[in-house]
Amino acid sequence: MAGKCPKCQNMVGGVRSEQVSITNNAGNSFAGAAYTCPHCQTILGVTVDPYAFKNEIAIELMKRMRGGR
């Protein structure tokens, strides 16, 4: 389902994804993804990068399975 970009008003059927760094109030930093309009590059949303998050979880699980912390 396509929507309209709030800035340029063009129909957006797909977005561009860019890597960004997200920092929370505690100062922790996470890999993030910003989703932008393909026409005007306005940021439409930001979230934790799902691929980086999956990899971080897998690495942590492997460490714990091997007895590390």
N, C-alpha and C. Protein backbone atom coordinates (compact mmCIF):
# COMPACT_ATOMS: atom_id res chain seq x y z
N MET A 1 0.84 -1.17 0.00
CA MET A 1 0.00 0.00 0.00
C MET A 1 0.89 1.24 0.00
N ALA A 2 0.79 2.03 -1.02
CA ALA A 2 1.60 3.24 -1.13
C ALA A 2 0.95 4.39 -0.36
N GLY A 3 1.79 5.23 0.20
CA GLY A 3 1.32 6.44 0.87
C GLY A 3 1.99 7.64 0.25
N LYS A 4 1.66 8.81 0.76
CA LYS A 4 2.26 10.05 0.26
C LYS A 4 3.31 10.55 1.23
N CYS A 5 4.39 11.07 0.68
CA CYS A 5 5.42 11.70 1.49
C CYS A 5 4.82 12.99 2.08
N PRO A 6 5.01 13.22 3.39
CA PRO A 6 4.44 14.42 4.00
C PRO A 6 5.10 15.72 3.52
N LYS A 7 6.29 15.63 2.94
CA LYS A 7 6.98 16.84 2.48
C LYS A 7 6.70 17.14 1.01
N CYS A 8 7.00 16.18 0.13
CA CYS A 8 6.88 16.44 -1.31
C CYS A 8 5.54 16.00 -1.90
N GLN A 9 4.75 15.26 -1.13
CA GLN A 9 3.43 14.78 -1.55
C GLN A 9 3.45 13.76 -2.68
N ASN A 10 4.63 13.26 -3.07
CA ASN A 10 4.72 12.20 -4.07
C ASN A 10 4.29 10.88 -3.45
N MET A 11 3.75 9.99 -4.28
CA MET A 11 3.40 8.66 -3.82
C MET A 11 4.68 7.89 -3.53
N VAL A 12 4.70 7.19 -2.41
CA VAL A 12 5.88 6.43 -1.98
C VAL A 12 5.49 4.96 -1.93
N GLY A 13 5.97 4.19 -2.90
CA GLY A 13 5.71 2.76 -2.95
C GLY A 13 6.85 1.96 -2.33
N GLY A 14 7.99 2.61 -2.15
CA GLY A 14 9.16 2.00 -1.54
C GLY A 14 10.01 3.10 -0.93
N VAL A 15 10.88 2.74 -0.03
CA VAL A 15 11.73 3.73 0.64
C VAL A 15 13.19 3.36 0.47
N ARG A 16 14.05 4.31 0.74
CA ARG A 16 15.49 4.05 0.80
C ARG A 16 15.84 3.82 2.26
N SER A 17 16.82 2.99 2.49
CA SER A 17 17.28 2.70 3.84
C SER A 17 18.71 3.18 3.99
N GLU A 18 18.98 3.90 5.07
CA GLU A 18 20.32 4.39 5.35
C GLU A 18 20.71 3.97 6.76
N GLN A 19 21.98 3.62 6.94
CA GLN A 19 22.46 3.27 8.27
C GLN A 19 22.67 4.53 9.09
N VAL A 20 22.17 4.51 10.34
CA VAL A 20 22.35 5.62 11.26
C VAL A 20 22.71 5.05 12.62
N SER A 21 23.22 5.90 13.49
CA SER A 21 23.51 5.51 14.87
C SER A 21 22.41 6.08 15.75
N ILE A 22 21.87 5.25 16.63
CA ILE A 22 20.82 5.67 17.56
C ILE A 22 21.42 5.63 18.96
N THR A 23 21.26 6.71 19.71
CA THR A 23 21.76 6.79 21.08
C THR A 23 20.58 7.05 22.00
N ASN A 24 20.47 6.25 23.08
CA ASN A 24 19.37 6.47 24.02
C ASN A 24 19.82 7.41 25.14
N ASN A 25 18.91 7.71 26.07
CA ASN A 25 19.20 8.64 27.15
C ASN A 25 20.31 8.16 28.07
N ALA A 26 20.52 6.85 28.14
CA ALA A 26 21.57 6.29 28.99
C ALA A 26 22.93 6.34 28.31
N GLY A 27 22.98 6.77 27.05
CA GLY A 27 24.24 6.86 26.33
C GLY A 27 24.61 5.62 25.55
N ASN A 28 23.74 4.60 25.56
CA ASN A 28 24.00 3.39 24.78
C ASN A 28 23.74 3.68 23.31
N SER A 29 24.58 3.13 22.45
CA SER A 29 24.46 3.36 21.02
C SER A 29 24.06 2.08 20.31
N PHE A 30 23.19 2.20 19.33
CA PHE A 30 22.69 1.06 18.57
C PHE A 30 22.79 1.36 17.08
N ALA A 31 22.94 0.30 16.29
CA ALA A 31 22.87 0.47 14.84
C ALA A 31 21.41 0.69 14.47
N GLY A 32 21.16 1.68 13.65
CA GLY A 32 19.79 1.98 13.26
C GLY A 32 19.64 2.07 11.76
N ALA A 33 18.39 2.17 11.35
CA ALA A 33 18.06 2.35 9.94
C ALA A 33 17.09 3.51 9.83
N ALA A 34 17.39 4.43 8.93
CA ALA A 34 16.48 5.53 8.63
C ALA A 34 15.84 5.25 7.28
N TYR A 35 14.54 5.35 7.21
CA TYR A 35 13.81 5.11 5.97
C TYR A 35 13.42 6.46 5.39
N THR A 36 13.87 6.72 4.15
CA THR A 36 13.68 8.03 3.55
C THR A 36 12.88 7.95 2.25
N CYS A 37 12.25 9.08 1.93
CA CYS A 37 11.49 9.21 0.69
C CYS A 37 12.47 9.10 -0.49
N PRO A 38 12.15 8.29 -1.49
CA PRO A 38 13.05 8.15 -2.64
C PRO A 38 13.06 9.39 -3.54
N HIS A 39 12.11 10.29 -3.34
CA HIS A 39 12.00 11.48 -4.18
C HIS A 39 12.74 12.68 -3.59
N CYS A 40 12.56 12.92 -2.27
CA CYS A 40 13.12 14.13 -1.66
C CYS A 40 14.04 13.85 -0.47
N GLN A 41 14.25 12.58 -0.12
CA GLN A 41 15.12 12.13 0.96
C GLN A 41 14.67 12.57 2.36
N THR A 42 13.41 12.96 2.53
CA THR A 42 12.88 13.27 3.86
C THR A 42 12.83 11.99 4.68
N ILE A 43 13.24 12.06 5.94
CA ILE A 43 13.19 10.89 6.81
C ILE A 43 11.74 10.58 7.14
N LEU A 44 11.31 9.36 6.84
CA LEU A 44 9.94 8.93 7.10
C LEU A 44 9.85 8.11 8.38
N GLY A 45 10.97 7.54 8.80
CA GLY A 45 10.98 6.75 10.03
C GLY A 45 12.39 6.30 10.36
N VAL A 46 12.61 6.00 11.65
CA VAL A 46 13.89 5.49 12.13
C VAL A 46 13.60 4.34 13.08
N THR A 47 14.39 3.29 12.98
CA THR A 47 14.22 2.14 13.87
C THR A 47 15.58 1.48 14.08
N VAL A 48 15.63 0.56 15.04
CA VAL A 48 16.83 -0.25 15.23
C VAL A 48 17.02 -1.07 13.96
N ASP A 49 18.25 -1.15 13.46
CA ASP A 49 18.55 -1.92 12.25
C ASP A 49 18.26 -3.40 12.54
N PRO A 50 17.27 -4.00 11.89
CA PRO A 50 16.92 -5.38 12.22
C PRO A 50 18.03 -6.39 11.93
N TYR A 51 18.84 -6.15 10.91
CA TYR A 51 19.92 -7.09 10.58
C TYR A 51 21.05 -6.99 11.61
N ALA A 52 21.42 -5.78 11.98
CA ALA A 52 22.47 -5.61 12.98
C ALA A 52 22.00 -6.15 14.32
N PHE A 53 20.73 -5.92 14.67
CA PHE A 53 20.17 -6.40 15.93
C PHE A 53 20.20 -7.93 15.98
N LYS A 54 19.82 -8.57 14.87
CA LYS A 54 19.84 -10.03 14.78
C LYS A 54 21.26 -10.55 14.97
N ASN A 55 22.23 -9.91 14.34
CA ASN A 55 23.62 -10.35 14.46
C ASN A 55 24.15 -10.17 15.87
N GLU A 56 23.80 -9.06 16.54
CA GLU A 56 24.23 -8.83 17.91
C GLU A 56 23.66 -9.89 18.85
N ILE A 57 22.40 -10.27 18.64
CA ILE A 57 21.78 -11.31 19.46
C ILE A 57 22.48 -12.64 19.23
N ALA A 58 22.76 -12.99 17.97
CA ALA A 58 23.43 -14.25 17.67
C ALA A 58 24.82 -14.31 18.29
N ILE A 59 25.56 -13.22 18.23
CA ILE A 59 26.90 -13.17 18.82
C ILE A 59 26.82 -13.35 20.33
N GLU A 60 25.87 -12.66 20.97
CA GLU A 60 25.71 -12.77 22.43
C GLU A 60 25.30 -14.19 22.83
N LEU A 61 24.42 -14.81 22.07
CA LEU A 61 24.01 -16.19 22.37
C LEU A 61 25.18 -17.15 22.24
N MET A 62 25.99 -16.99 21.21
CA MET A 62 27.16 -17.86 21.04
C MET A 62 28.13 -17.70 22.20
N LYS A 63 28.36 -16.48 22.66
CA LYS A 63 29.24 -16.24 23.80
C LYS A 63 28.73 -16.96 25.03
N ARG A 64 27.42 -16.84 25.29
CA ARG A 64 26.85 -17.45 26.49
C ARG A 64 26.84 -18.97 26.39
N MET A 65 26.64 -19.50 25.19
CA MET A 65 26.66 -20.95 25.02
C MET A 65 28.06 -21.50 25.27
N ARG A 66 29.08 -20.67 25.02
CA ARG A 66 30.46 -21.09 25.24
C ARG A 66 30.92 -20.79 26.67
N GLY A 67 30.01 -20.28 27.50
CA GLY A 67 30.34 -20.05 28.90
C GLY A 67 30.87 -18.66 29.21
N GLY A 68 30.88 -17.77 28.27
CA GLY A 68 31.36 -16.41 28.51
C GLY A 68 30.24 -15.47 28.87
N ARG A 69 30.59 -14.28 29.28
CA ARG A 69 29.59 -13.25 29.60
C ARG A 69 29.94 -12.07 28.83
